[in-house]
Amino acid sequence: MPLTMAKEGEPNVIKRVGGREETRRFLENLGFVAGGVVTVVSDIGGNVIVNIKDSRVAIGKDMANKIQI
């Protein structure tokens, strides 16, 4: 399921990151890699704030939909 459907406060393991090559590279640089653990902190209108690799990152709905958990 996409990251936008994750429950707040629940750790999830990233299965795969989709999208075009440049999009995947951008997300990988932020820490979104297969096998990584991501926790949704806040979800406002589909835009999400997540904890990943001891950092807090905000990503848009379109980017969050490309991350499968």
PDB file of N, CA and C in Angstrom:
ATOM      1  N   MET A   1       0.845  -1.179   0.000  1.00  0.00           N
ATOM      2  CA  MET A   1       0.000   0.000   0.000  1.00  0.00           C
ATOM      3  C   MET A   1       0.892   1.245   0.000  1.00  0.00           C
ATOM      4  N   PRO A   2       0.396   2.346  -0.513  1.00  0.00           N
ATOM      5  CA  PRO A   2       1.209   3.569  -0.539  1.00  0.00           C
ATOM      6  C   PRO A   2       1.341   4.183   0.855  1.00  0.00           C
ATOM      7  N   LEU A   3       2.377   4.982   1.021  1.00  0.00           N
ATOM      8  CA  LEU A   3       2.668   5.617   2.305  1.00  0.00           C
ATOM      9  C   LEU A   3       1.514   6.501   2.780  1.00  0.00           C
ATOM     10  N   THR A   4       0.732   7.054   1.859  1.00  0.00           N
ATOM     11  CA  THR A   4      -0.381   7.937   2.239  1.00  0.00           C
ATOM     12  C   THR A   4      -1.453   7.198   3.042  1.00  0.00           C
ATOM     13  N   MET A   5      -1.475   5.866   2.978  1.00  0.00           N
ATOM     14  CA  MET A   5      -2.488   5.083   3.701  1.00  0.00           C
ATOM     15  C   MET A   5      -1.988   4.575   5.053  1.00  0.00           C
ATOM     16  N   ALA A   6      -0.746   4.894   5.414  1.00  0.00           N
ATOM     17  CA  ALA A   6      -0.182   4.430   6.689  1.00  0.00           C
ATOM     18  C   ALA A   6      -0.830   5.161   7.864  1.00  0.00           C
ATOM     19  N   LYS A   7      -0.911   4.477   8.988  1.00  0.00           N
ATOM     20  CA  LYS A   7      -1.455   5.083  10.199  1.00  0.00           C
ATOM     21  C   LYS A   7      -0.359   5.878  10.900  1.00  0.00           C
ATOM     22  N   GLU A   8      -0.760   6.966  11.517  1.00  0.00           N
ATOM     23  CA  GLU A   8       0.193   7.817  12.232  1.00  0.00           C
ATOM     24  C   GLU A   8       0.790   7.075  13.424  1.00  0.00           C
ATOM     25  N   GLY A   9       2.102   7.233  13.622  1.00  0.00           N
ATOM     26  CA  GLY A   9       2.785   6.655  14.763  1.00  0.00           C
ATOM     27  C   GLY A   9       3.176   5.200  14.609  1.00  0.00           C
ATOM     28  N   GLU A  10       2.822   4.570  13.507  1.00  0.00           N
ATOM     29  CA  GLU A  10       3.109   3.158  13.294  1.00  0.00           C
ATOM     30  C   GLU A  10       4.333   2.998  12.393  1.00  0.00           C
ATOM     31  N   PRO A  11       5.391   2.318  12.848  1.00  0.00           N
ATOM     32  CA  PRO A  11       6.562   2.120  11.973  1.00  0.00           C
ATOM     33  C   PRO A  11       6.224   1.170  10.823  1.00  0.00           C
ATOM     34  N   ASN A  12       6.668   1.507   9.625  1.00  0.00           N
ATOM     35  CA  ASN A  12       6.435   0.687   8.440  1.00  0.00           C
ATOM     36  C   ASN A  12       7.744   0.477   7.700  1.00  0.00           C
ATOM     37  N   VAL A  13       7.870  -0.693   7.080  1.00  0.00           N
ATOM     38  CA  VAL A  13       9.062  -1.000   6.286  1.00  0.00           C
ATOM     39  C   VAL A  13       8.764  -0.677   4.827  1.00  0.00           C
ATOM     40  N   ILE A  14       9.668   0.030   4.184  1.00  0.00           N
ATOM     41  CA  ILE A  14       9.500   0.398   2.783  1.00  0.00           C
ATOM     42  C   ILE A  14       9.767  -0.824   1.913  1.00  0.00           C
ATOM     43  N   LYS A  15       8.802  -1.189   1.066  1.00  0.00           N
ATOM     44  CA  LYS A  15       8.943  -2.333   0.166  1.00  0.00           C
ATOM     45  C   LYS A  15       9.649  -1.924  -1.123  1.00  0.00           C
ATOM     46  N   ARG A  16       9.196  -0.797  -1.706  1.00  0.00           N
ATOM     47  CA  ARG A  16       9.834  -0.305  -2.935  1.00  0.00           C
ATOM     48  C   ARG A  16       9.482   1.157  -3.134  1.00  0.00           C
ATOM     49  N   VAL A  17      10.302   1.814  -3.946  1.00  0.00           N
ATOM     50  CA  VAL A  17      10.081   3.217  -4.285  1.00  0.00           C
ATOM     51  C   VAL A  17       9.883   3.279  -5.801  1.00  0.00           C
ATOM     52  N   GLY A  18       8.749   3.790  -6.233  1.00  0.00           N
ATOM     53  CA  GLY A  18       8.427   3.851  -7.659  1.00  0.00           C
ATOM     54  C   GLY A  18       8.682   5.227  -8.240  1.00  0.00           C
ATOM     55  N   GLY A  19       8.225   5.409  -9.461  1.00  0.00           N
ATOM     56  CA  GLY A  19       8.374   6.699 -10.133  1.00  0.00           C
ATOM     57  C   GLY A  19       9.519   6.690 -11.118  1.00  0.00           C
ATOM     58  N   ARG A  20       9.744   7.858 -11.720  1.00  0.00           N
ATOM     59  CA  ARG A  20      10.840   7.993 -12.682  1.00  0.00           C
ATOM     60  C   ARG A  20      12.176   7.934 -11.961  1.00  0.00           C
ATOM     61  N   GLU A  21      13.242   7.733 -12.716  1.00  0.00           N
ATOM     62  CA  GLU A  21      14.587   7.592 -12.149  1.00  0.00           C
ATOM     63  C   GLU A  21      14.961   8.789 -11.279  1.00  0.00           C
ATOM     64  N   GLU A  22      14.705  10.002 -11.757  1.00  0.00           N
ATOM     65  CA  GLU A  22      15.073  11.188 -10.974  1.00  0.00           C
ATOM     66  C   GLU A  22      14.261  11.288  -9.689  1.00  0.00           C
ATOM     67  N   THR A  23      13.006  10.869  -9.730  1.00  0.00           N
ATOM     68  CA  THR A  23      12.168  10.878  -8.532  1.00  0.00           C
ATOM     69  C   THR A  23      12.684   9.869  -7.516  1.00  0.00           C
ATOM     70  N   ARG A  24      13.008   8.659  -7.991  1.00  0.00           N
ATOM     71  CA  ARG A  24      13.538   7.626  -7.090  1.00  0.00           C
ATOM     72  C   ARG A  24      14.854   8.075  -6.464  1.00  0.00           C
ATOM     73  N   ARG A  25      15.719   8.688  -7.253  1.00  0.00           N
ATOM     74  CA  ARG A  25      17.012   9.147  -6.744  1.00  0.00           C
ATOM     75  C   ARG A  25      16.806  10.223  -5.674  1.00  0.00           C
ATOM     76  N   PHE A  26      15.873  11.151  -5.919  1.00  0.00           N
ATOM     77  CA  PHE A  26      15.563  12.209  -4.951  1.00  0.00           C
ATOM     78  C   PHE A  26      15.092  11.602  -3.623  1.00  0.00           C
ATOM     79  N   LEU A  27      14.165  10.646  -3.704  1.00  0.00           N
ATOM     80  CA  LEU A  27      13.642  10.017  -2.496  1.00  0.00           C
ATOM     81  C   LEU A  27      14.710   9.196  -1.783  1.00  0.00           C
ATOM     82  N   GLU A  28      15.574   8.524  -2.549  1.00  0.00           N
ATOM     83  CA  GLU A  28      16.657   7.756  -1.940  1.00  0.00           C
ATOM     84  C   GLU A  28      17.623   8.675  -1.190  1.00  0.00           C
ATOM     85  N   ASN A  29      17.880   9.850  -1.728  1.00  0.00           N
ATOM     86  CA  ASN A  29      18.758  10.810  -1.057  1.00  0.00           C
ATOM     87  C   ASN A  29      18.158  11.301   0.259  1.00  0.00           C
ATOM     88  N   LEU A  30      16.837  11.301   0.341  1.00  0.00           N
ATOM     89  CA  LEU A  30      16.167  11.676   1.595  1.00  0.00           C
ATOM     90  C   LEU A  30      16.147  10.516   2.594  1.00  0.00           C
ATOM     91  N   GLY A  31      16.482   9.295   2.129  1.00  0.00           N
ATOM     92  CA  GLY A  31      16.506   8.136   3.020  1.00  0.00           C
ATOM     93  C   GLY A  31      15.436   7.109   2.743  1.00  0.00           C
ATOM     94  N   PHE A  32      14.605   7.338   1.733  1.00  0.00           N
ATOM     95  CA  PHE A  32      13.535   6.395   1.405  1.00  0.00           C
ATOM     96  C   PHE A  32      14.089   5.291   0.508  1.00  0.00           C
ATOM     97  N   VAL A  33      14.608   4.226   1.143  1.00  0.00           N
ATOM     98  CA  VAL A  33      15.167   3.097   0.411  1.00  0.00           C
ATOM     99  C   VAL A  33      14.444   1.823   0.848  1.00  0.00           C
ATOM    100  N   ALA A  34      14.412   0.835  -0.036  1.00  0.00           N
ATOM    101  CA  ALA A  34      13.768  -0.442   0.285  1.00  0.00           C
ATOM    102  C   ALA A  34      14.418  -1.034   1.529  1.00  0.00           C
ATOM    103  N   GLY A  35      13.586  -1.486   2.464  1.00  0.00           N
ATOM    104  CA  GLY A  35      14.074  -2.051   3.718  1.00  0.00           C
ATOM    105  C   GLY A  35      14.182  -1.028   4.835  1.00  0.00           C
ATOM    106  N   GLY A  36      14.081   0.259   4.498  1.00  0.00           N
ATOM    107  CA  GLY A  36      14.141   1.306   5.511  1.00  0.00           C
ATOM    108  C   GLY A  36      12.847   1.391   6.300  1.00  0.00           C
ATOM    109  N   VAL A  37      12.935   1.918   7.502  1.00  0.00           N
ATOM    110  CA  VAL A  37      11.752   2.060   8.360  1.00  0.00           C
ATOM    111  C   VAL A  37      11.311   3.517   8.349  1.00  0.00           C
ATOM    112  N   VAL A  38      10.013   3.720   8.095  1.00  0.00           N
ATOM    113  CA  VAL A  38       9.441   5.062   8.037  1.00  0.00           C
ATOM    114  C   VAL A  38       8.214   5.112   8.955  1.00  0.00           C
ATOM    115  N   THR A  39       8.084   6.208   9.698  1.00  0.00           N
ATOM    116  CA  THR A  39       6.942   6.392  10.597  1.00  0.00           C
ATOM    117  C   THR A  39       6.252   7.707  10.255  1.00  0.00           C
ATOM    118  N   VAL A  40       4.947   7.641  10.007  1.00  0.00           N
ATOM    119  CA  VAL A  40       4.180   8.844   9.703  1.00  0.00           C
ATOM    120  C   VAL A  40       3.919   9.599  10.998  1.00  0.00           C
ATOM    121  N   VAL A  41       4.319  10.873  11.023  1.00  0.00           N
ATOM    122  CA  VAL A  41       4.110  11.722  12.193  1.00  0.00           C
ATOM    123  C   VAL A  41       2.786  12.472  12.058  1.00  0.00           C
ATOM    124  N   SER A  42       2.537  13.012  10.864  1.00  0.00           N
ATOM    125  CA  SER A  42       1.337  13.799  10.632  1.00  0.00           C
ATOM    126  C   SER A  42       0.881  13.635   9.184  1.00  0.00           C
ATOM    127  N   ASP A  43      -0.428  13.639   8.981  1.00  0.00           N
ATOM    128  CA  ASP A  43      -1.004  13.507   7.639  1.00  0.00           C
ATOM    129  C   ASP A  43      -2.069  14.583   7.485  1.00  0.00           C
ATOM    130  N   ILE A  44      -1.762  15.595   6.677  1.00  0.00           N
ATOM    131  CA  ILE A  44      -2.697  16.709   6.481  1.00  0.00           C
ATOM    132  C   ILE A  44      -3.042  16.799   5.001  1.00  0.00           C
ATOM    133  N   GLY A  45      -4.247  16.413   4.649  1.00  0.00           N
ATOM    134  CA  GLY A  45      -4.700  16.490   3.261  1.00  0.00           C
ATOM    135  C   GLY A  45      -3.875  15.646   2.303  1.00  0.00           C
ATOM    136  N   GLY A  46      -3.337  14.533   2.784  1.00  0.00           N
ATOM    137  CA  GLY A  46      -2.537  13.671   1.935  1.00  0.00           C
ATOM    138  C   GLY A  46      -1.054  13.987   1.979  1.00  0.00           C
ATOM    139  N   ASN A  47      -0.696  15.216   2.349  1.00  0.00           N
ATOM    140  CA  ASN A  47       0.710  15.559   2.530  1.00  0.00           C
ATOM    141  C   ASN A  47       1.154  15.004   3.877  1.00  0.00           C
ATOM    142  N   VAL A  48       2.335  14.396   3.914  1.00  0.00           N
ATOM    143  CA  VAL A  48       2.745  13.699   5.127  1.00  0.00           C
ATOM    144  C   VAL A  48       4.079  14.210   5.668  1.00  0.00           C
ATOM    145  N   ILE A  49       4.178  14.184   6.987  1.00  0.00           N
ATOM    146  CA  ILE A  49       5.444  14.434   7.677  1.00  0.00           C
ATOM    147  C   ILE A  49       5.837  13.089   8.270  1.00  0.00           C
ATOM    148  N   VAL A  50       7.071  12.645   7.964  1.00  0.00           N
ATOM    149  CA  VAL A  50       7.516  11.331   8.398  1.00  0.00           C
ATOM    150  C   VAL A  50       8.850  11.414   9.119  1.00  0.00           C
ATOM    151  N   ASN A  51       9.094  10.429   9.971  1.00  0.00           N
ATOM    152  CA  ASN A  51      10.409  10.228  10.572  1.00  0.00           C
ATOM    153  C   ASN A  51      11.091   9.133   9.773  1.00  0.00           C
ATOM    154  N   ILE A  52      12.285   9.426   9.269  1.00  0.00           N
ATOM    155  CA  ILE A  52      13.072   8.436   8.553  1.00  0.00           C
ATOM    156  C   ILE A  52      14.541   8.686   8.855  1.00  0.00           C
ATOM    157  N   LYS A  53      15.238   7.640   9.279  1.00  0.00           N
ATOM    158  CA  LYS A  53      16.668   7.739   9.612  1.00  0.00           C
ATOM    159  C   LYS A  53      16.952   8.900  10.556  1.00  0.00           C
ATOM    160  N   ASP A  54      16.219   8.976  11.648  1.00  0.00           N
ATOM    161  CA  ASP A  54      16.400  10.003  12.680  1.00  0.00           C
ATOM    162  C   ASP A  54      16.208  11.432  12.166  1.00  0.00           C
ATOM    163  N   SER A  55      15.491  11.605  11.074  1.00  0.00           N
ATOM    164  CA  SER A  55      15.180  12.930  10.533  1.00  0.00           C
ATOM    165  C   SER A  55      13.685  13.037  10.303  1.00  0.00           C
ATOM    166  N   ARG A  56      13.196  14.251  10.332  1.00  0.00           N
ATOM    167  CA  ARG A  56      11.790  14.505  10.042  1.00  0.00           C
ATOM    168  C   ARG A  56      11.712  15.160   8.673  1.00  0.00           C
ATOM    169  N   VAL A  57      10.925  14.562   7.771  1.00  0.00           N
ATOM    170  CA  VAL A  57      10.842  15.024   6.391  1.00  0.00           C
ATOM    171  C   VAL A  57       9.376  15.206   6.014  1.00  0.00           C
ATOM    172  N   ALA A  58       9.076  16.299   5.304  1.00  0.00           N
ATOM    173  CA  ALA A  58       7.726  16.527   4.783  1.00  0.00           C
ATOM    174  C   ALA A  58       7.751  16.252   3.284  1.00  0.00           C
ATOM    175  N   ILE A  59       6.810  15.433   2.821  1.00  0.00           N
ATOM    176  CA  ILE A  59       6.702  15.166   1.387  1.00  0.00           C
ATOM    177  C   ILE A  59       5.255  15.311   0.950  1.00  0.00           C
ATOM    178  N   GLY A  60       5.080  15.645  -0.309  1.00  0.00           N
ATOM    179  CA  GLY A  60       3.750  15.846  -0.869  1.00  0.00           C
ATOM    180  C   GLY A  60       3.036  14.536  -1.132  1.00  0.00           C
ATOM    181  N   LYS A  61       1.753  14.658  -1.396  1.00  0.00           N
ATOM    182  CA  LYS A  61       0.899  13.499  -1.644  1.00  0.00           C
ATOM    183  C   LYS A  61       1.393  12.672  -2.827  1.00  0.00           C
ATOM    184  N   ASP A  62       1.803  13.353  -3.919  1.00  0.00           N
ATOM    185  CA  ASP A  62       2.251  12.632  -5.107  1.00  0.00           C
ATOM    186  C   ASP A  62       3.519  11.824  -4.830  1.00  0.00           C
ATOM    187  N   MET A  63       4.450  12.383  -4.067  1.00  0.00           N
ATOM    188  CA  MET A  63       5.671  11.645  -3.712  1.00  0.00           C
ATOM    189  C   MET A  63       5.347  10.498  -2.767  1.00  0.00           C
ATOM    190  N   ALA A  64       4.488  10.729  -1.797  1.00  0.00           N
ATOM    191  CA  ALA A  64       4.136   9.703  -0.818  1.00  0.00           C
ATOM    192  C   ALA A  64       3.452   8.517  -1.494  1.00  0.00           C
ATOM    193  N   ASN A  65       2.705   8.761  -2.558  1.00  0.00           N
ATOM    194  CA  ASN A  65       2.039   7.679  -3.283  1.00  0.00           C
ATOM    195  C   ASN A  65       3.027   6.787  -4.026  1.00  0.00           C
ATOM    196  N   LYS A  66       4.222   7.259  -4.281  1.00  0.00           N
ATOM    197  CA  LYS A  66       5.241   6.476  -4.986  1.00  0.00           C
ATOM    198  C   LYS A  66       6.009   5.547  -4.046  1.00  0.00           C
ATOM    199  N   ILE A  67       5.843   5.735  -2.735  1.00  0.00           N
ATOM    200  CA  ILE A  67       6.540   4.924  -1.743  1.00  0.00           C
ATOM    201  C   ILE A  67       5.577   3.832  -1.266  1.00  0.00           C
ATOM    202  N   GLN A  68       5.946   2.586  -1.540  1.00  0.00           N
ATOM    203  CA  GLN A  68       5.115   1.438  -1.155  1.00  0.00           C
ATOM    204  C   GLN A  68       5.628   0.828   0.148  1.00  0.00           C
ATOM    205  N   ILE A  69       4.682   0.562   1.070  1.00  0.00           N
ATOM    206  CA  ILE A  69       5.059  -0.033   2.351  1.00  0.00           C
ATOM    207  C   ILE A  69       4.369  -1.373   2.505  1.00  0.00           C
TER     208      ILE A  69
END
